[in-house]
């Protein structure tokens, strides 16, 4: 299983992905699920993947080949993020169809993709792309998307994340979302890949890989657990006549 989270905020974009893949408890591996592309000063692109590993690697391989061989359209030739979402969605749908044409069997090869970025002359965009190739766009009312094992990390995002949340605070919120998921689901695991893009910078950031011994992540994980315990203990305890 996988957990990926992406946020489109007023000041920029935030992406976090785990790196664990598993095919049973005896086959646990580390694979990157966050991919970054771009032309410095002109466009920035990030792709996150969740689902069948063979499918996601094939999609990334096709997109890379299009760039290497200068086959058009490609990630660097399209004129808008909408066209880019169409390109990625078409590539995903075609990749699944190449494996099998049986509609029921195709579900075994499904994967989901988050595509975010900015092209010069356009606003930033964030898309959630489905296995069927269609997609939806993040808005100021719904500024984040999750794919994979999302349920454990969603409550903190729903409560704390807003469109105008500063990027550093959004990253902190996202890391707490991942901490909650890591504690509740062993199929999501460290290290994490995290990346922040500043709006209108058209800079392609390197990003950061967060390991178990990372001092900041370890500290906020510990403090968050303590805060939850203190918060629970501060709540009024139900009286006997409440539950009897």
Protein backbone atom coordinates (compact mmCIF):
# COMPACT_ATOMS: atom_id res chain seq x y z
CA UNK A 1 0.00 0.00 0.00
CA UNK A 2 1.00 3.61 -0.40
CA UNK A 3 0.15 7.00 1.02
CA UNK A 4 0.68 10.16 -1.01
CA UNK A 5 -0.57 13.65 -0.20
CA UNK A 6 -0.40 16.81 -2.30
CA UNK A 7 -1.57 20.33 -1.44
CA UNK A 8 -2.25 23.34 -3.67
CA UNK A 9 -2.11 26.39 -1.43
CA UNK A 10 -2.01 30.14 -1.95
CA UNK A 11 1.78 30.28 -1.56
CA UNK A 12 2.74 27.11 -3.39
CA UNK A 13 2.57 23.34 -3.59
CA UNK A 14 3.48 20.69 -1.01
CA UNK A 15 4.03 17.01 -1.83
CA UNK A 16 4.74 14.09 0.54
CA UNK A 17 4.94 10.38 -0.34
CA UNK A 18 5.98 7.26 1.51
CA UNK A 19 8.24 4.69 -0.15
CA UNK A 20 7.00 1.30 1.05
CA UNK A 21 5.68 -1.36 -1.29
CA UNK A 22 4.69 -4.85 -0.25
CA UNK A 23 3.44 -8.08 -1.71
CA UNK A 24 2.81 -9.80 1.61
CA UNK A 25 4.76 -9.54 4.83
CA UNK A 26 7.80 -11.28 3.32
CA UNK A 27 8.17 -8.94 0.34
CA UNK A 28 8.60 -5.37 1.59
CA UNK A 29 10.67 -2.98 -0.53
CA UNK A 30 11.47 0.70 -0.90
CA UNK A 31 10.49 2.42 -4.15
CA UNK A 32 10.24 6.11 -4.95
CA UNK A 33 6.69 7.30 -5.60
CA UNK A 34 7.39 11.02 -6.07
CA UNK A 35 8.91 12.11 -9.38
CA UNK A 36 10.00 15.63 -10.30
CA UNK A 37 10.47 17.16 -13.74
CA UNK A 38 10.90 20.67 -14.98
CA UNK A 39 12.59 23.32 -17.05
CA UNK A 40 14.22 25.87 -14.77
CA UNK A 41 12.49 29.23 -15.14
CA UNK A 42 9.70 27.83 -17.33
CA UNK A 43 7.84 24.89 -15.74
CA UNK A 44 7.78 22.67 -12.68
CA UNK A 45 6.07 19.26 -12.53
CA UNK A 46 5.64 16.64 -9.81
CA UNK A 47 3.98 13.24 -10.19
CA UNK A 48 3.00 10.97 -7.29
CA UNK A 49 1.85 7.39 -7.81
CA UNK A 50 -0.14 4.82 -5.87
CA UNK A 51 -1.35 1.36 -6.81
CA UNK A 52 0.05 -1.43 -8.95
CA UNK A 53 3.82 -0.91 -9.00
CA UNK A 54 4.32 -2.36 -12.48
CA UNK A 55 1.69 0.00 -13.88
CA UNK A 56 3.11 3.08 -12.16
CA UNK A 57 6.65 2.29 -13.31
CA UNK A 58 5.41 1.72 -16.86
CA UNK A 59 3.58 5.07 -16.88
CA UNK A 60 6.67 6.89 -15.60
CA UNK A 61 8.77 5.01 -18.16
CA UNK A 62 6.49 6.05 -21.04
CA UNK A 63 6.54 9.70 -19.93
CA UNK A 64 10.34 9.64 -19.64
CA UNK A 65 10.72 8.03 -23.06
CA UNK A 66 8.56 10.74 -24.60
CA UNK A 67 10.96 13.32 -23.17
CA UNK A 68 14.14 11.45 -24.11
CA UNK A 69 12.99 10.73 -27.67
CA UNK A 70 11.29 14.13 -28.04
CA UNK A 71 8.01 12.46 -28.94
CA UNK A 72 5.18 14.98 -28.87
CA UNK A 73 3.15 15.66 -26.93
CA UNK A 74 5.33 15.32 -23.82
CA UNK A 75 5.61 16.89 -20.38
CA UNK A 76 7.77 19.72 -21.71
CA UNK A 77 5.87 20.44 -24.94
CA UNK A 78 2.26 20.81 -23.74
CA UNK A 79 1.04 24.36 -23.28
CA UNK A 80 -1.00 23.99 -20.09
CA UNK A 81 -1.28 21.86 -16.98
CA UNK A 82 -4.71 20.76 -18.20
CA UNK A 83 -3.12 19.34 -21.36
CA UNK A 84 -0.49 17.70 -19.18
CA UNK A 85 -3.20 16.03 -17.08
CA UNK A 86 -4.80 14.77 -20.29
CA UNK A 87 -1.44 13.39 -21.44
CA UNK A 88 -0.75 11.60 -18.15
CA UNK A 89 -4.32 10.30 -17.96
CA UNK A 90 -4.17 8.97 -21.52
CA UNK A 91 -0.80 7.32 -20.82
CA UNK A 92 -2.19 5.68 -17.67
CA UNK A 93 -5.33 4.41 -19.41
CA UNK A 94 -3.33 3.07 -22.39
CA UNK A 95 -0.80 1.35 -20.12
CA UNK A 96 -3.56 -0.57 -18.32
CA UNK A 97 -5.29 -1.43 -21.61
CA UNK A 98 -2.01 -2.79 -23.02
CA UNK A 99 -1.93 -5.41 -20.25
CA UNK A 100 -5.47 -6.70 -20.76
CA UNK A 101 -8.69 -5.64 -22.45
CA UNK A 102 -10.82 -7.48 -19.89
CA UNK A 103 -12.59 -4.77 -17.90
CA UNK A 104 -12.81 -6.82 -14.72
CA UNK A 105 -9.18 -7.94 -14.86
CA UNK A 106 -7.99 -4.38 -15.50
CA UNK A 107 -8.83 -3.47 -11.90
CA UNK A 108 -5.87 -5.63 -10.81
CA UNK A 109 -3.56 -3.18 -12.62
CA UNK A 110 -5.13 0.06 -11.44
CA UNK A 111 -3.11 2.92 -10.05
CA UNK A 112 -3.84 6.53 -9.18
CA UNK A 113 -1.71 9.57 -9.91
CA UNK A 114 -1.40 13.06 -8.45
CA UNK A 115 -0.03 15.63 -10.88
CA UNK A 116 0.93 19.10 -9.71
CA UNK A 117 2.93 21.97 -11.08
CA UNK A 118 3.03 25.28 -12.85
CA UNK A 119 3.81 26.46 -16.38
CA UNK A 120 4.91 30.05 -16.93
CA UNK A 121 1.91 32.25 -17.71
CA UNK A 122 -0.45 29.93 -15.80
CA UNK A 123 -1.60 29.47 -12.24
CA UNK A 124 -0.45 26.44 -10.28
CA UNK A 125 -2.61 23.34 -10.69
CA UNK A 126 -3.07 20.03 -8.88
CA UNK A 127 -4.91 17.08 -10.44
CA UNK A 128 -6.06 13.73 -9.12
CA UNK A 129 -5.92 11.35 -12.10
CA UNK A 130 -7.96 8.13 -12.02
CA UNK A 131 -7.14 4.77 -13.67
CA UNK A 132 -9.77 5.46 -16.34
CA UNK A 133 -7.75 8.52 -17.43
CA UNK A 134 -10.17 11.19 -16.20
CA UNK A 135 -9.25 13.64 -13.46
CA UNK A 136 -10.39 16.35 -11.07
CA UNK A 137 -8.71 19.62 -10.09
CA UNK A 138 -7.94 20.90 -6.58
CA UNK A 139 -9.63 24.17 -5.60
CA UNK A 140 -9.35 26.73 -2.81
CA UNK A 141 -12.24 24.91 -1.10
CA UNK A 142 -10.56 21.52 -1.49
CA UNK A 143 -6.83 22.34 -1.46
CA UNK A 144 -5.43 18.83 -1.02
CA UNK A 145 -5.63 15.35 -2.52
CA UNK A 146 -4.67 11.97 -1.08
CA UNK A 147 -4.16 8.64 -2.80
CA UNK A 148 -3.49 5.24 -1.30
CA UNK A 149 -3.97 4.63 2.42
CA UNK A 150 -5.53 7.99 3.16
CA UNK A 151 -8.07 7.42 5.94
CA UNK A 152 -5.74 7.63 8.95
CA UNK A 153 -4.12 10.89 7.85
CA UNK A 154 -7.23 12.67 6.59
CA UNK A 155 -8.70 13.98 9.89
CA UNK A 156 -5.79 16.30 10.67
CA UNK A 157 -5.83 17.70 7.13
CA UNK A 158 -9.59 18.26 7.26
CA UNK A 159 -9.32 20.10 10.57
CA UNK A 160 -6.12 22.10 10.17
CA UNK A 161 -5.32 22.70 6.51
CA UNK A 162 -6.71 25.76 4.71
CA UNK A 163 -5.95 27.31 1.32
CA UNK A 164 -4.06 30.18 2.96
CA UNK A 165 -2.03 27.98 5.32
CA UNK A 166 1.68 28.95 5.04
CA UNK A 167 3.83 26.33 3.31
CA UNK A 168 5.96 25.51 6.37
CA UNK A 169 2.81 24.97 8.47
CA UNK A 170 1.28 22.87 5.69
CA UNK A 171 4.38 20.68 5.62
CA UNK A 172 4.14 20.21 9.39
CA UNK A 173 0.45 19.31 9.05
CA UNK A 174 1.26 16.85 6.26
CA UNK A 175 4.01 15.16 8.27
CA UNK A 176 1.63 14.70 11.21
CA UNK A 177 -0.84 13.17 8.75
CA UNK A 178 1.86 10.72 7.75
CA UNK A 179 2.84 10.03 11.36
CA UNK A 180 -0.76 9.04 12.11
CA UNK A 181 -0.81 6.75 9.09
CA UNK A 182 2.55 5.15 9.91
CA UNK A 183 1.32 4.31 13.41
CA UNK A 184 -1.94 2.74 12.21
CA UNK A 185 -0.94 0.91 9.02
CA UNK A 186 2.23 -1.14 8.57
CA UNK A 187 1.84 -1.10 4.80
CA UNK A 188 2.91 2.57 4.79
CA UNK A 189 6.52 3.14 5.78
CA UNK A 190 9.56 5.38 5.97
CA UNK A 191 11.50 6.94 4.42
CA UNK A 192 9.27 9.75 3.18
CA UNK A 193 9.90 12.00 0.20
CA UNK A 194 8.82 15.62 0.70
CA UNK A 195 8.98 18.62 -1.61
CA UNK A 196 7.84 22.26 -1.47
CA UNK A 197 7.39 24.49 -4.51
CA UNK A 198 7.08 28.27 -4.11
CA UNK A 199 4.37 29.79 -6.30
CA UNK A 200 5.60 31.59 -9.45
CA UNK A 201 9.24 30.69 -8.71
CA UNK A 202 9.54 28.24 -11.64
CA UNK A 203 12.38 26.67 -9.69
CA UNK A 204 12.72 22.89 -9.67
CA UNK A 205 13.44 21.97 -6.03
CA UNK A 206 15.42 18.88 -5.09
CA UNK A 207 13.18 17.90 -2.20
CA UNK A 208 14.08 16.02 0.97
CA UNK A 209 14.09 12.36 1.98
CA UNK A 210 13.01 11.90 5.60
CA UNK A 211 14.40 8.86 7.41
CA UNK A 212 13.39 7.35 10.73
CA UNK A 213 16.20 9.12 12.57
CA UNK A 214 15.29 12.55 11.17
CA UNK A 215 15.37 14.82 14.28
CA UNK A 216 12.51 17.14 13.25
CA UNK A 217 10.13 14.36 12.26
CA UNK A 218 10.97 12.33 15.39
CA UNK A 219 10.37 15.36 17.60
CA UNK A 220 6.99 16.37 16.19
CA UNK A 221 5.87 12.74 16.24
CA UNK A 222 6.66 12.53 19.95
CA UNK A 223 5.10 15.92 20.74
CA UNK A 224 1.95 15.10 18.74
CA UNK A 225 1.44 11.88 20.72
CA UNK A 226 1.90 13.77 23.99
CA UNK A 227 -0.48 16.53 22.85
CA UNK A 228 -3.18 14.01 21.98
CA UNK A 229 -2.86 12.29 25.35
CA UNK A 230 -2.99 15.59 27.22
CA UNK A 231 -5.96 16.73 25.15
CA UNK A 232 -7.85 13.50 25.85
CA UNK A 233 -7.10 13.65 29.57
CA UNK A 234 -8.32 17.27 29.72
CA UNK A 235 -11.78 16.36 28.40
CA UNK A 236 -14.66 15.88 30.80
CA UNK A 237 -15.21 12.25 31.79
CA UNK A 238 -18.80 10.99 31.35
CA UNK A 239 -20.70 10.53 34.60
CA UNK A 240 -22.35 7.27 35.58
CA UNK A 241 -25.84 8.51 34.68
CA UNK A 242 -24.59 9.31 31.16
CA UNK A 243 -23.88 5.74 30.16
CA UNK A 244 -25.94 3.62 32.56
